[in-house]
Amino acid sequence: MEGKITWFNKIYIKSRELSGLALDSLFCFISFSAARMSLSLSFTHPILSRHVYSAVFPPPRFLFLSPHIPTTSRFPILYRAPQRATALSATAATASIFRDTAASASVFAGAYALVFTFDILTQKELIQQNLSRKLVHILSGLLFAISWPIFSNADEARYFASLVPLINCLRLVIHGLSLSDDQSLIKSVTREGNPKELLRGPLYYVAMLMLCALAFWRESPVGVICLANMCGGDGFADIIGRKYGSSKIPYNQSKSWVGSISMFVSGFIISIGMLYYYSALGYLQLDWGYTMHRVALISLVATVVESLPITMLIDDNISVPLASMLAAYLTFGQ
């Protein structure tokens, strides 16, 4: 009888120990990782630790978060963001240099092929020269930004990528000063076929491409948003505004409501698409609920600046990207 009472006492004492866990002690066992958006429960009580150590609960799929990053890339040519900064060995550094050199040559060849293709289409009168010029304006910058992941993860990769717009800058200066003649280039990127035009809008355009690559590269949303508004937003504004822009903006008769609306919508959509592209590759981690509001604000700022009657003072290829850059830097803070 005495043994049974002792056995019941042991059960009672243990049950009291289990039920007597203080609520404030649970906060020591619950941790929330904001970086991985995971909830971890760990039990370190001497009794519970024998049975349960920890459990990690994955985040719900409906949250507006960056997409899940798989461990391997489906596209081997695209580099994912490095998980940690590591010193490269001599062999790895040499391999990165060769890869970046090949990537620069490929991007430059692609840019040349793009201009050559639209020049052929213009010569055969399949598309108008103004449309050809704006399509080159849209595609060349966006394709340049999309090509950044084919460069290596070395710190010097951005400089190799910047060689492409730098070479194009030199080409524009040479032909703009009439030191050499390239009619295909002149017809593809100028309004009136005047070589001196190469020293204005087109030169500012490639200079902004180089600035975004050097200053922001792949780790910041500022550069890609800037290029999305300058290339996509401004480009579609001109194409759609020229065709359907009968209703002019009161304070600027050279701009239309349809063109400005097109710029805002296309700049916003292309910016979101570019951010998702870099988020999927692991370079950016974004809260999409806040990101969409911020991108909408940036696109609105770029649209308002583009609509102002200041074209004679400052080119759109300077005012639009700088306004987008400043707005994106202030909203994203990086």
Protein backbone atom coordinates (compact mmCIF):
# COMPACT_ATOMS: atom_id res chain seq x y z
CA MET A 1 0.00 0.00 0.00
CA GLU A 2 2.81 2.32 0.86
CA GLY A 3 4.53 1.56 -2.48
CA LYS A 4 1.36 2.47 -4.41
CA ILE A 5 1.11 5.82 -2.63
CA THR A 6 4.75 6.58 -3.53
CA TRP A 7 4.08 5.70 -7.20
CA PHE A 8 1.03 8.00 -7.31
CA ASN A 9 3.04 10.77 -5.62
CA LYS A 10 5.71 10.54 -8.32
CA ILE A 11 3.11 10.84 -11.07
CA TYR A 12 1.47 13.78 -9.31
CA ILE A 13 4.79 15.59 -8.82
CA LYS A 14 5.75 15.15 -12.49
CA SER A 15 2.32 16.33 -13.63
CA ARG A 16 2.74 19.42 -11.44
CA GLU A 17 6.16 20.04 -12.97
CA LEU A 18 4.71 19.82 -16.47
CA SER A 19 1.74 22.06 -15.72
CA GLY A 20 3.88 24.47 -13.73
CA LEU A 21 5.89 25.72 -16.73
CA ALA A 22 5.78 29.51 -16.47
CA LEU A 23 4.38 31.37 -19.48
CA ASP A 24 7.28 33.76 -19.55
CA SER A 25 9.73 30.87 -19.94
CA LEU A 26 8.08 29.92 -23.23
CA PHE A 27 9.36 33.11 -24.78
CA CYS A 28 12.85 31.72 -24.33
CA PHE A 29 11.93 28.71 -26.44
CA ILE A 30 10.09 30.48 -29.28
CA SER A 31 12.17 32.26 -31.89
CA PHE A 32 11.10 33.95 -35.09
CA SER A 33 13.55 34.35 -37.94
CA ALA A 34 12.67 37.40 -40.05
CA ALA A 35 15.34 36.57 -42.61
CA ARG A 36 13.96 33.08 -43.31
CA MET A 37 10.40 33.76 -42.19
CA SER A 38 10.34 30.58 -40.08
CA LEU A 39 9.01 29.88 -36.60
CA SER A 40 11.13 27.68 -34.37
CA LEU A 41 9.96 26.10 -31.11
CA SER A 42 12.63 24.62 -28.81
CA PHE A 43 12.01 22.93 -25.46
CA THR A 44 14.90 22.89 -23.04
CA HIS A 45 12.99 21.83 -19.91
CA PRO A 46 14.71 18.84 -18.30
CA ILE A 47 11.55 16.73 -18.66
CA LEU A 48 10.35 17.86 -22.05
CA SER A 49 13.81 17.81 -23.58
CA ARG A 50 13.79 14.05 -23.39
CA HIS A 51 10.88 13.89 -25.79
CA VAL A 52 10.85 17.06 -27.94
CA TYR A 53 13.85 19.17 -28.92
CA SER A 54 12.78 21.60 -31.61
CA ALA A 55 10.39 22.06 -34.50
CA VAL A 56 10.62 24.45 -37.45
CA PHE A 57 7.45 25.56 -39.19
CA PRO A 58 7.80 26.80 -42.83
CA PRO A 59 6.21 30.15 -43.75
CA PRO A 60 2.72 30.16 -45.25
CA ARG A 61 2.76 30.37 -49.05
CA PHE A 62 0.26 33.20 -49.26
CA LEU A 63 2.57 35.83 -47.73
CA PHE A 64 3.91 38.49 -50.09
CA LEU A 65 7.50 37.38 -49.87
CA SER A 66 10.27 36.71 -52.31
CA PRO A 67 9.91 33.34 -54.04
CA HIS A 68 11.58 30.26 -52.62
CA ILE A 69 15.17 29.93 -53.80
CA PRO A 70 16.06 26.37 -54.86
CA THR A 71 19.53 25.08 -54.14
CA THR A 72 20.42 24.62 -57.80
CA SER A 73 19.71 26.83 -60.79
CA ARG A 74 17.57 25.59 -63.64
CA PHE A 75 19.63 27.79 -65.96
CA PRO A 76 23.37 27.07 -65.48
CA ILE A 77 24.39 30.23 -67.40
CA LEU A 78 22.86 32.46 -64.72
CA TYR A 79 24.79 33.00 -61.50
CA ARG A 80 22.85 33.10 -58.27
CA ALA A 81 23.71 35.48 -55.47
CA PRO A 82 26.56 34.14 -53.31
CA GLN A 83 25.53 32.97 -49.85
CA ARG A 84 28.63 34.44 -48.18
CA ALA A 85 31.66 36.43 -49.14
CA THR A 86 34.61 34.10 -49.65
CA ALA A 87 38.10 34.71 -50.91
CA LEU A 88 38.57 33.37 -54.41
CA SER A 89 41.47 31.10 -55.17
CA ALA A 90 43.79 31.92 -58.04
CA THR A 91 42.07 29.35 -60.25
CA ALA A 92 38.60 30.63 -59.40
CA ALA A 93 39.67 34.24 -59.96
CA THR A 94 41.08 33.36 -63.36
CA ALA A 95 37.91 31.50 -64.26
CA SER A 96 35.82 34.51 -63.21
CA ILE A 97 37.90 36.82 -65.42
CA PHE A 98 37.47 34.54 -68.42
CA ARG A 99 33.75 34.23 -67.78
CA ASP A 100 33.27 37.98 -67.35
CA THR A 101 35.28 38.69 -70.49
CA ALA A 102 33.16 36.25 -72.47
CA ALA A 103 29.99 37.72 -70.97
CA SER A 104 31.03 41.26 -71.93
CA ALA A 105 31.80 40.15 -75.49
CA SER A 106 28.45 38.35 -75.71
CA VAL A 107 26.46 41.33 -74.41
CA PHE A 108 28.27 43.69 -76.77
CA ALA A 109 27.63 41.37 -79.72
CA GLY A 110 23.98 41.18 -78.74
CA ALA A 111 23.69 44.97 -78.53
CA TYR A 112 25.31 45.34 -81.96
CA ALA A 113 23.03 42.66 -83.42
CA LEU A 114 19.98 44.42 -81.98
CA VAL A 115 20.84 47.74 -83.65
CA PHE A 116 21.77 45.97 -86.90
CA THR A 117 18.46 44.06 -86.94
CA PHE A 118 16.33 47.15 -86.53
CA ASP A 119 18.42 48.96 -89.12
CA ILE A 120 17.63 46.19 -91.62
CA LEU A 121 13.94 46.35 -90.73
CA THR A 122 13.97 50.11 -91.25
CA GLN A 123 15.76 49.86 -94.59
CA LYS A 124 13.18 47.34 -95.83
CA GLU A 125 10.46 49.71 -94.60
CA LEU A 126 8.95 47.04 -92.37
CA ILE A 127 8.86 49.50 -89.49
CA GLN A 128 9.16 53.27 -89.31
CA GLN A 129 12.38 54.90 -88.19
CA ASN A 130 10.80 56.50 -85.11
CA LEU A 131 9.38 53.16 -84.01
CA SER A 132 12.72 51.46 -84.67
CA ARG A 133 14.53 54.07 -82.60
CA LYS A 134 12.17 53.65 -79.65
CA LEU A 135 12.26 49.86 -79.78
CA VAL A 136 16.05 50.03 -79.63
CA HIS A 137 15.65 52.46 -76.73
CA ILE A 138 13.40 50.00 -74.87
CA LEU A 139 15.17 46.73 -75.60
CA SER A 140 18.85 47.63 -75.41
CA GLY A 141 18.75 48.90 -71.83
CA LEU A 142 16.42 46.21 -70.51
CA LEU A 143 18.38 43.40 -72.15
CA PHE A 144 21.57 44.87 -70.69
CA ALA A 145 20.06 44.81 -67.18
CA ILE A 146 18.71 41.29 -67.69
CA SER A 147 22.17 40.10 -68.74
CA TRP A 148 23.86 40.98 -65.44
CA PRO A 149 23.38 37.51 -63.88
CA ILE A 150 25.49 35.88 -66.62
CA PHE A 151 28.50 37.64 -65.12
CA SER A 152 30.35 35.98 -62.27
CA ASN A 153 29.91 36.69 -58.57
CA ALA A 154 33.33 38.35 -58.38
CA ASP A 155 33.47 41.94 -57.15
CA GLU A 156 34.99 43.02 -60.47
CA ALA A 157 32.09 41.66 -62.54
CA ARG A 158 30.28 45.01 -62.59
CA TYR A 159 33.30 46.64 -64.22
CA PHE A 160 33.32 44.05 -66.99
CA ALA A 161 29.61 44.65 -67.54
CA SER A 162 30.21 48.41 -67.67
CA LEU A 163 32.63 47.93 -70.55
CA VAL A 164 29.66 47.42 -72.87
CA PRO A 165 28.08 50.87 -72.39
CA LEU A 166 31.57 52.40 -72.19
CA ILE A 167 32.45 51.08 -75.65
CA ASN A 168 29.11 52.32 -76.94
CA CYS A 169 29.87 55.73 -75.41
CA LEU A 170 33.11 55.86 -77.36
CA ARG A 171 31.31 54.84 -80.56
CA LEU A 172 28.72 57.58 -80.09
CA VAL A 173 31.41 60.21 -79.47
CA ILE A 174 33.44 59.13 -82.51
CA HIS A 175 30.45 59.14 -84.87
CA GLY A 176 28.86 62.18 -83.21
CA LEU A 177 32.01 64.19 -83.90
CA SER A 178 31.99 62.84 -87.49
CA LEU A 179 35.37 61.19 -86.98
CA SER A 180 33.85 58.12 -88.58
CA ASP A 181 30.62 57.43 -90.43
CA ASP A 182 28.12 54.71 -89.49
CA GLN A 183 24.77 55.43 -91.11
CA SER A 184 23.12 52.34 -89.62
CA LEU A 185 23.91 53.57 -86.10
CA ILE A 186 22.82 57.12 -86.88
CA LYS A 187 19.50 56.06 -88.39
CA SER A 188 18.73 53.66 -85.58
CA VAL A 189 19.17 55.98 -82.60
CA THR A 190 18.61 59.53 -83.87
CA ARG A 191 15.41 61.42 -84.67
CA GLU A 192 16.48 63.38 -87.73
CA GLY A 193 19.57 61.50 -88.92
CA ASN A 194 21.95 64.19 -87.68
CA PRO A 195 25.22 62.74 -86.28
CA LYS A 196 25.37 65.48 -83.63
CA GLU A 197 22.25 63.99 -82.02
CA LEU A 198 24.44 61.08 -80.92
CA LEU A 199 26.12 63.41 -78.45
CA ARG A 200 22.86 64.17 -76.65
CA GLY A 201 20.08 61.66 -75.87
CA PRO A 202 21.84 58.43 -76.97
CA LEU A 203 25.05 59.39 -75.16
CA TYR A 204 23.16 60.22 -71.96
CA TYR A 205 21.30 56.92 -72.30
CA VAL A 206 24.38 54.68 -72.37
CA ALA A 207 26.00 56.80 -69.64
CA MET A 208 23.03 55.99 -67.37
CA LEU A 209 23.40 52.29 -68.19
CA MET A 210 27.01 52.45 -67.06
CA LEU A 211 26.14 54.43 -63.92
CA CYS A 212 23.47 51.94 -62.82
CA ALA A 213 25.80 49.00 -63.35
CA LEU A 214 28.67 50.58 -61.44
CA ALA A 215 26.72 52.20 -58.61
CA PHE A 216 23.97 49.67 -57.89
CA TRP A 217 24.61 46.45 -59.80
CA ARG A 218 22.51 43.39 -58.87
CA GLU A 219 22.26 43.79 -55.10
CA SER A 220 20.10 46.93 -55.09
CA PRO A 221 16.61 47.50 -56.54
CA VAL A 222 17.51 51.12 -57.35
CA GLY A 223 19.42 50.40 -60.56
CA VAL A 224 16.89 48.08 -62.16
CA ILE A 225 13.96 50.36 -61.28
CA CYS A 226 15.84 53.31 -62.76
CA LEU A 227 16.47 51.45 -66.03
CA ALA A 228 12.91 50.12 -66.15
CA ASN A 229 11.50 53.65 -66.07
CA MET A 230 14.07 55.14 -68.42
CA CYS A 231 13.96 52.35 -71.01
CA GLY A 232 10.51 50.84 -70.71
CA GLY A 233 8.45 53.67 -69.27
CA ASP A 234 9.80 56.49 -71.40
CA GLY A 235 9.93 54.29 -74.49
CA PHE A 236 6.32 53.15 -74.36
CA ALA A 237 5.18 56.68 -73.48
CA ASP A 238 6.58 57.93 -76.79
CA ILE A 239 5.24 55.05 -78.90
CA ILE A 240 1.69 55.08 -77.52
CA GLY A 241 1.58 58.84 -77.01
CA ARG A 242 2.44 59.56 -80.65
CA LYS A 243 -0.32 57.26 -81.91
CA TYR A 244 -3.15 57.91 -79.48
CA GLY A 245 -2.13 61.09 -77.67
CA SER A 246 -4.67 63.57 -79.01
CA SER A 247 -5.50 64.97 -75.57
CA LYS A 248 -2.54 67.07 -74.42
CA ILE A 249 -1.44 67.86 -70.89
CA PRO A 250 -2.38 71.49 -70.08
CA TYR A 251 1.07 72.54 -68.86
CA ASN A 252 2.97 70.79 -71.69
CA GLN A 253 1.37 70.60 -75.15
CA SER A 254 4.10 68.27 -76.41
CA LYS A 255 3.01 65.55 -73.96
CA SER A 256 -0.31 63.69 -73.82
CA TRP A 257 -2.38 62.11 -71.08
CA VAL A 258 -2.28 58.75 -72.86
CA GLY A 259 1.50 58.88 -73.13
CA SER A 260 1.93 59.72 -69.44
CA ILE A 261 -0.49 56.99 -68.35
CA SER A 262 1.37 54.53 -70.60
CA MET A 263 4.65 55.53 -69.03
CA PHE A 264 3.35 55.01 -65.50
CA VAL A 265 1.79 51.61 -66.26
CA SER A 266 4.67 50.25 -68.33
CA GLY A 267 7.31 51.60 -65.92
CA PHE A 268 5.51 49.97 -62.98
CA ILE A 269 5.00 46.60 -64.69
CA ILE A 270 8.54 46.37 -66.05
CA SER A 271 10.00 47.41 -62.68
CA ILE A 272 8.04 44.68 -60.88
CA GLY A 273 9.08 42.14 -63.52
CA MET A 274 12.75 43.06 -63.17
CA LEU A 275 12.60 42.94 -59.38
CA TYR A 276 10.93 39.54 -59.45
CA TYR A 277 13.63 38.30 -61.87
CA TYR A 278 16.43 39.30 -59.50
CA SER A 279 14.46 38.13 -56.48
CA ALA A 280 14.02 34.69 -58.06
CA LEU A 281 17.79 34.48 -58.55
CA GLY A 282 18.38 35.38 -54.90
CA TYR A 283 19.94 38.82 -55.33
CA LEU A 284 17.02 40.66 -53.71
CA GLN A 285 14.76 39.75 -50.79
CA LEU A 286 11.64 41.88 -50.91
CA ASP A 287 8.35 42.25 -49.11
CA TRP A 288 6.09 42.49 -52.14
CA GLY A 289 3.28 44.25 -50.33
CA TYR A 290 5.50 47.24 -49.57
CA THR A 291 7.51 46.89 -52.77
CA MET A 292 4.52 47.38 -55.05
CA HIS A 293 3.52 50.57 -53.25
CA ARG A 294 7.05 51.91 -53.44
CA VAL A 295 7.48 51.04 -57.11
CA ALA A 296 4.15 52.71 -57.92
CA LEU A 297 5.34 55.86 -56.18
CA ILE A 298 8.67 55.81 -58.06
CA SER A 299 6.93 55.30 -61.41
CA LEU A 300 4.60 58.19 -60.61
CA VAL A 301 7.56 60.46 -59.83
CA ALA A 302 9.26 59.47 -63.10
CA THR A 303 6.04 60.08 -65.03
CA VAL A 304 5.54 63.54 -63.54
CA VAL A 305 9.16 64.52 -64.29
CA GLU A 306 8.86 63.26 -67.88
CA SER A 307 5.71 65.31 -68.41
CA LEU A 308 7.31 68.61 -67.32
CA PRO A 309 8.18 71.16 -70.06
CA ILE A 310 11.91 71.00 -69.37
CA THR A 311 13.07 68.98 -72.40
CA MET A 312 14.92 71.98 -73.84
CA LEU A 313 16.85 72.35 -70.58
CA ILE A 314 17.52 68.73 -69.66
CA ASP A 315 17.09 65.59 -71.74
CA ASP A 316 14.60 62.90 -70.69
CA ASN A 317 17.45 60.39 -70.62
CA ILE A 318 18.91 62.40 -67.74
CA SER A 319 15.85 63.73 -65.89
CA VAL A 320 13.83 60.49 -65.84
CA PRO A 321 16.60 58.12 -64.61
CA LEU A 322 17.93 60.60 -62.06
CA ALA A 323 14.43 61.24 -60.68
CA SER A 324 13.77 57.49 -60.55
CA MET A 325 17.15 56.88 -58.95
CA LEU A 326 16.57 59.47 -56.25
CA ALA A 327 13.03 58.31 -55.52
CA ALA A 328 14.08 54.65 -55.40
CA TYR A 329 17.05 55.42 -53.17
CA LEU A 330 14.87 57.34 -50.73
CA THR A 331 12.10 54.72 -50.63
CA PHE A 332 14.25 51.57 -50.57
CA GLY A 333 17.13 53.15 -48.68
CA GLN A 334 19.90 51.35 -50.57
